[in-house]
Amino acid sequence: MTTIAFTAIPTADAEALRAGAPDAYGLSPERRITQGSGYPCRHCLGFIGDGEAYLTLAYRPFPALQPYAETGPIFLHAEPCARYESSEVLPPVLTDSPDFILRGYGHDDRIVYGTGAVILREQVEERARELLEKPEIAYVHVRSARNNCYQCRIDRA
């Protein structure tokens, strides 16, 4: 059985964005204050608390522009937070929705057709293992089933 690891965005990316680096669209991240809870930080893979500062920005979790390099909005704690330790344990940000989109990508960072599907939260780990058992799949993305926002990546551990 394939061992998996949920992977957050790299610390170098989070630090650069917090320092004012432009996002994937060349814009400065927007700084805001939460109104309630439920804002998922893509670096610690936890939630940004009520009344805390956060950044909203466009993020492209791919090494280069190409037709399959999806870009979308994400949230980050505005202040430094510890990066989620890659683990096969479902991270907190994946506990607030009943389902997610899982999609496999090849070593060329292109979608492997036939791998994308809406998966119930309880089946995320099992489906990721199934996908990563296929040698043509390099990694899996987890996205919101409601808004298609990037949540995290799943790799072989």
N, C-alpha and C. Protein backbone atom coordinates (compact mmCIF):
# COMPACT_ATOMS: atom_id res chain seq x y z
N MET A 1 0.85 -1.18 0.00
CA MET A 1 0.00 0.00 0.00
C MET A 1 0.89 1.24 0.00
N THR A 2 0.52 2.19 -0.82
CA THR A 2 1.26 3.44 -0.93
C THR A 2 1.04 4.31 0.31
N THR A 3 2.13 4.82 0.86
CA THR A 3 2.03 5.76 1.97
C THR A 3 1.97 7.16 1.39
N ILE A 4 1.06 7.99 1.90
CA ILE A 4 0.86 9.33 1.38
C ILE A 4 1.28 10.38 2.39
N ALA A 5 1.47 11.60 1.88
CA ALA A 5 1.79 12.75 2.75
C ALA A 5 1.06 13.98 2.23
N PHE A 6 0.28 14.60 3.10
CA PHE A 6 -0.37 15.87 2.76
C PHE A 6 0.69 16.96 2.87
N THR A 7 0.81 17.78 1.83
CA THR A 7 1.89 18.75 1.74
C THR A 7 1.33 20.16 1.59
N ALA A 8 1.76 21.07 2.46
CA ALA A 8 1.35 22.47 2.41
C ALA A 8 2.21 23.23 1.41
N ILE A 9 1.81 24.47 1.13
CA ILE A 9 2.65 25.28 0.24
C ILE A 9 4.01 25.50 0.90
N PRO A 10 5.05 25.65 0.11
CA PRO A 10 6.39 25.83 0.68
C PRO A 10 6.51 27.08 1.56
N THR A 11 7.29 26.97 2.61
CA THR A 11 7.52 28.10 3.52
C THR A 11 8.10 29.28 2.77
N ALA A 12 9.01 29.04 1.83
CA ALA A 12 9.60 30.14 1.06
C ALA A 12 8.52 30.93 0.32
N ASP A 13 7.52 30.25 -0.21
CA ASP A 13 6.41 30.96 -0.89
C ASP A 13 5.62 31.80 0.11
N ALA A 14 5.28 31.21 1.26
CA ALA A 14 4.50 31.93 2.27
C ALA A 14 5.26 33.15 2.77
N GLU A 15 6.55 32.98 3.06
CA GLU A 15 7.36 34.10 3.56
C GLU A 15 7.45 35.22 2.53
N ALA A 16 7.66 34.86 1.27
CA ALA A 16 7.76 35.88 0.22
C ALA A 16 6.45 36.65 0.08
N LEU A 17 5.34 35.95 0.11
CA LEU A 17 4.04 36.61 -0.02
C LEU A 17 3.75 37.50 1.18
N ARG A 18 4.11 37.05 2.37
CA ARG A 18 3.92 37.89 3.57
C ARG A 18 4.79 39.14 3.51
N ALA A 19 5.92 39.03 2.85
CA ALA A 19 6.85 40.18 2.73
C ALA A 19 6.45 41.11 1.59
N GLY A 20 5.36 40.78 0.89
CA GLY A 20 4.87 41.67 -0.15
C GLY A 20 5.18 41.25 -1.57
N ALA A 21 5.74 40.06 -1.76
CA ALA A 21 6.00 39.58 -3.12
C ALA A 21 4.67 39.50 -3.87
N PRO A 22 4.71 39.73 -5.18
CA PRO A 22 3.46 39.64 -5.95
C PRO A 22 2.94 38.21 -6.03
N ASP A 23 1.64 38.10 -6.13
CA ASP A 23 1.02 36.79 -6.24
C ASP A 23 1.11 36.30 -7.69
N ALA A 24 0.40 35.23 -8.01
CA ALA A 24 0.46 34.64 -9.35
C ALA A 24 -0.04 35.57 -10.45
N TYR A 25 -0.79 36.60 -10.09
CA TYR A 25 -1.28 37.57 -11.07
C TYR A 25 -0.47 38.86 -11.05
N GLY A 26 0.62 38.87 -10.27
CA GLY A 26 1.46 40.06 -10.21
C GLY A 26 0.92 41.14 -9.28
N LEU A 27 -0.04 40.79 -8.45
CA LEU A 27 -0.65 41.74 -7.52
C LEU A 27 -0.12 41.52 -6.11
N SER A 28 -0.23 42.55 -5.29
CA SER A 28 0.14 42.41 -3.89
C SER A 28 -0.96 41.66 -3.16
N PRO A 29 -0.60 40.74 -2.26
CA PRO A 29 -1.63 40.05 -1.47
C PRO A 29 -2.48 41.07 -0.70
N GLU A 30 -3.77 40.81 -0.59
CA GLU A 30 -4.67 41.68 0.15
C GLU A 30 -4.67 41.28 1.61
N ARG A 31 -4.48 42.24 2.49
CA ARG A 31 -4.49 41.97 3.93
C ARG A 31 -5.88 42.30 4.46
N ARG A 32 -6.44 41.36 5.22
CA ARG A 32 -7.78 41.53 5.77
C ARG A 32 -7.82 40.96 7.19
N ILE A 33 -8.94 41.19 7.86
CA ILE A 33 -9.18 40.64 9.20
C ILE A 33 -10.39 39.71 9.09
N THR A 34 -10.26 38.51 9.66
CA THR A 34 -11.36 37.55 9.56
C THR A 34 -12.59 38.04 10.31
N GLN A 35 -13.71 37.66 9.78
CA GLN A 35 -15.01 37.90 10.40
C GLN A 35 -15.59 36.51 10.66
N GLY A 36 -15.20 35.91 11.74
CA GLY A 36 -15.61 34.54 12.03
C GLY A 36 -14.45 33.60 11.78
N SER A 37 -14.74 32.32 11.72
CA SER A 37 -13.68 31.34 11.51
C SER A 37 -13.93 30.62 10.19
N GLY A 38 -13.08 29.68 9.87
CA GLY A 38 -13.27 28.92 8.66
C GLY A 38 -12.40 29.33 7.50
N TYR A 39 -11.45 30.25 7.73
CA TYR A 39 -10.52 30.66 6.68
C TYR A 39 -9.33 29.70 6.72
N PRO A 40 -9.15 28.86 5.70
CA PRO A 40 -8.09 27.86 5.73
C PRO A 40 -6.73 28.41 5.27
N CYS A 41 -5.73 28.33 6.11
CA CYS A 41 -4.38 28.75 5.75
C CYS A 41 -3.71 27.60 5.00
N ARG A 42 -3.16 27.91 3.83
CA ARG A 42 -2.55 26.86 3.01
C ARG A 42 -1.10 26.57 3.40
N HIS A 43 -0.60 27.23 4.44
CA HIS A 43 0.77 26.97 4.91
C HIS A 43 0.76 26.06 6.13
N CYS A 44 -0.05 26.39 7.13
CA CYS A 44 -0.13 25.53 8.33
C CYS A 44 -1.22 24.47 8.19
N LEU A 45 -2.07 24.63 7.15
CA LEU A 45 -3.21 23.75 6.90
C LEU A 45 -4.16 23.67 8.09
N GLY A 46 -4.18 24.77 8.85
CA GLY A 46 -5.13 24.96 9.93
C GLY A 46 -6.03 26.13 9.58
N PHE A 47 -6.83 26.54 10.53
CA PHE A 47 -7.75 27.63 10.28
C PHE A 47 -7.26 28.93 10.91
N ILE A 48 -7.55 30.02 10.25
CA ILE A 48 -7.20 31.36 10.74
C ILE A 48 -8.34 31.77 11.67
N GLY A 49 -7.99 32.13 12.89
CA GLY A 49 -8.99 32.41 13.91
C GLY A 49 -9.76 33.70 13.70
N ASP A 50 -10.89 33.80 14.37
CA ASP A 50 -11.74 34.98 14.32
C ASP A 50 -10.95 36.21 14.76
N GLY A 51 -11.02 37.27 13.97
CA GLY A 51 -10.35 38.52 14.29
C GLY A 51 -8.87 38.57 13.94
N GLU A 52 -8.35 37.52 13.32
CA GLU A 52 -6.94 37.48 12.94
C GLU A 52 -6.72 38.05 11.54
N ALA A 53 -5.52 38.58 11.34
CA ALA A 53 -5.14 39.10 10.03
C ALA A 53 -4.80 37.94 9.10
N TYR A 54 -5.20 38.07 7.85
CA TYR A 54 -4.88 37.05 6.85
C TYR A 54 -4.64 37.73 5.50
N LEU A 55 -4.06 36.97 4.59
CA LEU A 55 -3.82 37.45 3.24
C LEU A 55 -4.70 36.66 2.27
N THR A 56 -5.24 37.34 1.29
CA THR A 56 -5.94 36.70 0.18
C THR A 56 -5.11 36.98 -1.06
N LEU A 57 -4.85 35.95 -1.84
CA LEU A 57 -3.99 36.12 -3.01
C LEU A 57 -4.23 35.04 -4.03
N ALA A 58 -3.75 35.27 -5.23
CA ALA A 58 -3.83 34.25 -6.29
C ALA A 58 -2.58 33.37 -6.18
N TYR A 59 -2.80 32.07 -6.19
CA TYR A 59 -1.69 31.12 -6.05
C TYR A 59 -1.74 30.10 -7.18
N ARG A 60 -0.57 29.82 -7.73
CA ARG A 60 -0.44 28.81 -8.78
C ARG A 60 0.53 27.75 -8.28
N PRO A 61 0.03 26.58 -7.86
CA PRO A 61 0.89 25.55 -7.28
C PRO A 61 1.63 24.70 -8.32
N PHE A 62 2.19 25.34 -9.29
CA PHE A 62 2.94 24.68 -10.36
C PHE A 62 4.25 25.43 -10.58
N PRO A 63 5.28 24.73 -11.06
CA PRO A 63 6.58 25.37 -11.23
C PRO A 63 6.66 26.36 -12.39
N ALA A 64 5.75 26.26 -13.37
CA ALA A 64 5.82 27.15 -14.54
C ALA A 64 4.43 27.31 -15.15
N LEU A 65 4.28 28.36 -15.92
CA LEU A 65 3.04 28.55 -16.67
C LEU A 65 2.93 27.49 -17.76
N GLN A 66 1.75 26.95 -17.90
CA GLN A 66 1.43 25.99 -18.94
C GLN A 66 -0.09 25.82 -18.92
N PRO A 67 -0.67 25.20 -19.92
CA PRO A 67 -2.14 25.16 -20.00
C PRO A 67 -2.85 24.55 -18.79
N TYR A 68 -2.20 23.66 -18.05
CA TYR A 68 -2.86 23.00 -16.93
C TYR A 68 -2.52 23.62 -15.58
N ALA A 69 -1.79 24.70 -15.58
CA ALA A 69 -1.35 25.34 -14.34
C ALA A 69 -2.46 26.25 -13.81
N GLU A 70 -3.39 25.65 -13.10
CA GLU A 70 -4.52 26.41 -12.55
C GLU A 70 -4.05 27.40 -11.49
N THR A 71 -4.68 28.55 -11.49
CA THR A 71 -4.41 29.60 -10.51
C THR A 71 -5.72 29.93 -9.83
N GLY A 72 -5.65 30.16 -8.53
CA GLY A 72 -6.87 30.52 -7.83
C GLY A 72 -6.59 31.18 -6.50
N PRO A 73 -7.64 31.64 -5.84
CA PRO A 73 -7.48 32.33 -4.57
C PRO A 73 -7.18 31.38 -3.42
N ILE A 74 -6.30 31.83 -2.53
CA ILE A 74 -6.04 31.11 -1.29
C ILE A 74 -5.93 32.12 -0.16
N PHE A 75 -5.96 31.61 1.07
CA PHE A 75 -5.74 32.42 2.27
C PHE A 75 -4.45 31.96 2.94
N LEU A 76 -3.78 32.90 3.59
CA LEU A 76 -2.60 32.62 4.41
C LEU A 76 -2.72 33.43 5.69
N HIS A 77 -2.24 32.89 6.80
CA HIS A 77 -2.07 33.73 7.99
C HIS A 77 -1.19 34.91 7.58
N ALA A 78 -1.53 36.11 8.01
CA ALA A 78 -0.70 37.27 7.70
C ALA A 78 0.60 37.24 8.49
N GLU A 79 0.54 36.64 9.66
CA GLU A 79 1.73 36.51 10.50
C GLU A 79 2.31 35.10 10.32
N PRO A 80 3.60 34.94 10.57
CA PRO A 80 4.20 33.61 10.37
C PRO A 80 3.48 32.51 11.16
N CYS A 81 3.39 31.37 10.53
CA CYS A 81 2.82 30.18 11.17
C CYS A 81 3.71 29.00 10.76
N ALA A 82 3.70 27.97 11.56
CA ALA A 82 4.51 26.79 11.27
C ALA A 82 3.90 26.03 10.10
N ARG A 83 4.74 25.62 9.18
CA ARG A 83 4.27 24.84 8.04
C ARG A 83 3.77 23.48 8.54
N TYR A 84 2.69 23.02 7.96
CA TYR A 84 2.16 21.70 8.29
C TYR A 84 3.23 20.67 8.01
N GLU A 85 3.49 19.83 8.98
CA GLU A 85 4.45 18.74 8.81
C GLU A 85 3.81 17.69 7.92
N SER A 86 4.43 17.42 6.78
CA SER A 86 3.88 16.42 5.86
C SER A 86 3.55 15.16 6.64
N SER A 87 2.34 14.73 6.48
CA SER A 87 1.84 13.60 7.25
C SER A 87 0.73 12.92 6.46
N GLU A 88 0.49 11.64 6.74
CA GLU A 88 -0.64 10.98 6.09
C GLU A 88 -1.94 11.20 6.85
N VAL A 89 -1.87 12.01 7.91
CA VAL A 89 -3.06 12.36 8.69
C VAL A 89 -3.78 13.52 8.00
N LEU A 90 -5.08 13.37 7.80
CA LEU A 90 -5.89 14.41 7.17
C LEU A 90 -5.70 15.72 7.93
N PRO A 91 -5.22 16.78 7.25
CA PRO A 91 -5.00 18.05 7.94
C PRO A 91 -6.31 18.75 8.31
N PRO A 92 -6.26 19.64 9.29
CA PRO A 92 -7.48 20.32 9.74
C PRO A 92 -8.27 20.99 8.62
N VAL A 93 -7.60 21.59 7.62
CA VAL A 93 -8.34 22.29 6.57
C VAL A 93 -9.23 21.36 5.74
N LEU A 94 -9.00 20.07 5.85
CA LEU A 94 -9.82 19.13 5.10
C LEU A 94 -10.91 18.49 5.96
N THR A 95 -11.22 19.13 7.08
CA THR A 95 -12.25 18.60 7.96
C THR A 95 -13.54 19.41 7.93
N ASP A 96 -13.56 20.52 7.19
CA ASP A 96 -14.71 21.42 7.24
C ASP A 96 -15.67 21.27 6.06
N SER A 97 -15.42 20.34 5.18
CA SER A 97 -16.28 20.15 4.02
C SER A 97 -16.61 18.67 3.87
N PRO A 98 -17.77 18.36 3.33
CA PRO A 98 -18.12 16.95 3.17
C PRO A 98 -17.40 16.27 2.01
N ASP A 99 -16.85 17.07 1.07
CA ASP A 99 -16.20 16.48 -0.08
C ASP A 99 -15.19 17.43 -0.71
N PHE A 100 -14.32 16.86 -1.52
CA PHE A 100 -13.25 17.61 -2.19
C PHE A 100 -13.01 17.04 -3.57
N ILE A 101 -12.40 17.84 -4.43
CA ILE A 101 -11.96 17.35 -5.73
C ILE A 101 -10.54 16.84 -5.57
N LEU A 102 -10.27 15.63 -6.01
CA LEU A 102 -8.91 15.10 -6.08
C LEU A 102 -8.59 14.91 -7.55
N ARG A 103 -7.36 15.28 -7.93
CA ARG A 103 -6.96 15.19 -9.32
C ARG A 103 -5.49 14.83 -9.39
N GLY A 104 -5.15 13.83 -10.18
CA GLY A 104 -3.77 13.41 -10.34
C GLY A 104 -3.05 14.17 -11.44
N TYR A 105 -1.77 14.43 -11.21
CA TYR A 105 -0.91 15.12 -12.18
C TYR A 105 0.30 14.26 -12.49
N GLY A 106 0.74 14.33 -13.74
CA GLY A 106 1.90 13.57 -14.17
C GLY A 106 3.20 14.27 -13.84
N HIS A 107 4.29 13.64 -14.18
CA HIS A 107 5.63 14.19 -13.93
C HIS A 107 5.88 15.46 -14.74
N ASP A 108 5.05 15.68 -15.77
CA ASP A 108 5.15 16.90 -16.58
C ASP A 108 4.21 17.99 -16.08
N ASP A 109 3.61 17.80 -14.90
CA ASP A 109 2.70 18.75 -14.26
C ASP A 109 1.40 18.96 -15.03
N ARG A 110 1.03 18.00 -15.87
CA ARG A 110 -0.23 18.04 -16.59
C ARG A 110 -1.22 17.09 -15.91
N ILE A 111 -2.52 17.41 -16.02
CA ILE A 111 -3.56 16.54 -15.48
C ILE A 111 -3.48 15.18 -16.15
N VAL A 112 -3.59 14.14 -15.36
CA VAL A 112 -3.72 12.79 -15.90
C VAL A 112 -5.23 12.57 -16.04
N TYR A 113 -5.69 12.55 -17.29
CA TYR A 113 -7.12 12.45 -17.54
C TYR A 113 -7.72 11.19 -16.93
N GLY A 114 -8.94 11.36 -16.43
CA GLY A 114 -9.64 10.25 -15.80
C GLY A 114 -9.39 10.14 -14.31
N THR A 115 -8.53 11.02 -13.75
CA THR A 115 -8.23 10.93 -12.32
C THR A 115 -9.05 11.89 -11.47
N GLY A 116 -9.62 12.91 -12.07
CA GLY A 116 -10.34 13.92 -11.30
C GLY A 116 -11.74 13.47 -10.91
N ALA A 117 -12.08 13.70 -9.65
CA ALA A 117 -13.41 13.34 -9.17
C ALA A 117 -13.69 14.03 -7.84
N VAL A 118 -14.97 14.22 -7.56
CA VAL A 118 -15.38 14.70 -6.25
C VAL A 118 -15.42 13.49 -5.33
N ILE A 119 -14.70 13.60 -4.21
CA ILE A 119 -14.53 12.49 -3.28
C ILE A 119 -15.03 12.90 -1.90
N LEU A 120 -15.76 12.03 -1.25
CA LEU A 120 -16.19 12.30 0.13
C LEU A 120 -14.96 12.42 1.03
N ARG A 121 -15.04 13.30 2.01
CA ARG A 121 -13.93 13.53 2.94
C ARG A 121 -13.39 12.22 3.51
N GLU A 122 -14.28 11.31 3.87
CA GLU A 122 -13.86 10.05 4.48
C GLU A 122 -13.08 9.16 3.51
N GLN A 123 -13.11 9.48 2.23
CA GLN A 123 -12.45 8.64 1.22
C GLN A 123 -11.21 9.31 0.60
N VAL A 124 -10.84 10.49 1.09
CA VAL A 124 -9.72 11.23 0.50
C VAL A 124 -8.43 10.42 0.55
N GLU A 125 -8.08 9.90 1.72
CA GLU A 125 -6.82 9.16 1.85
C GLU A 125 -6.81 7.93 0.95
N GLU A 126 -7.90 7.17 0.94
CA GLU A 126 -7.98 5.95 0.13
C GLU A 126 -7.83 6.28 -1.35
N ARG A 127 -8.53 7.31 -1.82
CA ARG A 127 -8.46 7.68 -3.24
C ARG A 127 -7.07 8.19 -3.60
N ALA A 128 -6.45 8.96 -2.72
CA ALA A 128 -5.09 9.45 -2.99
C ALA A 128 -4.12 8.28 -3.12
N ARG A 129 -4.24 7.29 -2.24
CA ARG A 129 -3.38 6.10 -2.33
C ARG A 129 -3.58 5.37 -3.65
N GLU A 130 -4.84 5.21 -4.05
CA GLU A 130 -5.13 4.55 -5.32
C GLU A 130 -4.47 5.29 -6.49
N LEU A 131 -4.61 6.60 -6.50
CA LEU A 131 -4.02 7.39 -7.59
C LEU A 131 -2.50 7.28 -7.60
N LEU A 132 -1.90 7.40 -6.41
CA LEU A 132 -0.44 7.41 -6.33
C LEU A 132 0.19 6.02 -6.53
N GLU A 133 -0.62 4.99 -6.57
CA GLU A 133 -0.09 3.66 -6.93
C GLU A 133 0.20 3.57 -8.42
N LYS A 134 -0.36 4.49 -9.19
CA LYS A 134 -0.13 4.51 -10.64
C LYS A 134 1.17 5.26 -10.92
N PRO A 135 2.12 4.63 -11.61
CA PRO A 135 3.43 5.26 -11.83
C PRO A 135 3.36 6.56 -12.64
N GLU A 136 2.32 6.72 -13.46
CA GLU A 136 2.22 7.94 -14.27
C GLU A 136 1.77 9.16 -13.46
N ILE A 137 1.32 8.93 -12.22
CA ILE A 137 0.88 10.05 -11.38
C ILE A 137 2.00 10.42 -10.42
N ALA A 138 2.42 11.69 -10.51
CA ALA A 138 3.50 12.20 -9.67
C ALA A 138 2.98 12.74 -8.34
N TYR A 139 1.81 13.34 -8.36
CA TYR A 139 1.22 13.94 -7.15
C TYR A 139 -0.25 14.18 -7.39
N VAL A 140 -0.96 14.51 -6.32
CA VAL A 140 -2.40 14.75 -6.36
C VAL A 140 -2.67 16.12 -5.76
N HIS A 141 -3.59 16.85 -6.37
CA HIS A 141 -4.06 18.10 -5.77
C HIS A 141 -5.41 17.86 -5.13
N VAL A 142 -5.62 18.54 -4.00
CA VAL A 142 -6.91 18.56 -3.33
C VAL A 142 -7.47 19.96 -3.51
N ARG A 143 -8.68 20.04 -4.02
CA ARG A 143 -9.34 21.33 -4.24
C ARG A 143 -10.73 21.31 -3.63
N SER A 144 -11.23 22.48 -3.36
CA SER A 144 -12.59 22.63 -2.85
C SER A 144 -13.58 22.12 -3.90
N ALA A 145 -14.54 21.31 -3.49
CA ALA A 145 -15.57 20.84 -4.41
C ALA A 145 -16.59 21.94 -4.70
N ARG A 146 -16.62 22.96 -3.87
CA ARG A 146 -17.59 24.05 -4.05
C ARG A 146 -17.02 25.20 -4.90
N ASN A 147 -15.77 25.57 -4.64
CA ASN A 147 -15.18 26.75 -5.28
C ASN A 147 -13.94 26.46 -6.10
N ASN A 148 -13.49 25.22 -6.12
CA ASN A 148 -12.31 24.77 -6.85
C ASN A 148 -11.01 25.38 -6.31
N CYS A 149 -11.02 25.95 -5.11
CA CYS A 149 -9.81 26.54 -4.54
C CYS A 149 -8.83 25.44 -4.15
N TYR A 150 -7.57 25.68 -4.43
CA TYR A 150 -6.49 24.76 -4.07
C TYR A 150 -6.40 24.65 -2.54
N GLN A 151 -6.35 23.42 -2.03
CA GLN A 151 -6.25 23.19 -0.59
C GLN A 151 -4.83 22.75 -0.20
N CYS A 152 -4.36 21.68 -0.84
CA CYS A 152 -3.03 21.16 -0.56
C CYS A 152 -2.67 20.14 -1.62
N ARG A 153 -1.50 19.60 -1.48
CA ARG A 153 -0.99 18.58 -2.40
C ARG A 153 -0.81 17.28 -1.61
N ILE A 154 -0.93 16.16 -2.29
CA ILE A 154 -0.66 14.88 -1.67
C ILE A 154 0.44 14.20 -2.47
N ASP A 155 1.49 13.79 -1.78
CA ASP A 155 2.64 13.15 -2.38
C ASP A 155 2.81 11.75 -1.83
N ARG A 156 3.67 10.96 -2.46
CA ARG A 156 4.10 9.70 -1.88
C ARG A 156 5.03 10.04 -0.73
N ALA A 157 4.87 9.34 0.38
CA ALA A 157 5.74 9.62 1.54
C ALA A 157 7.03 8.82 1.42
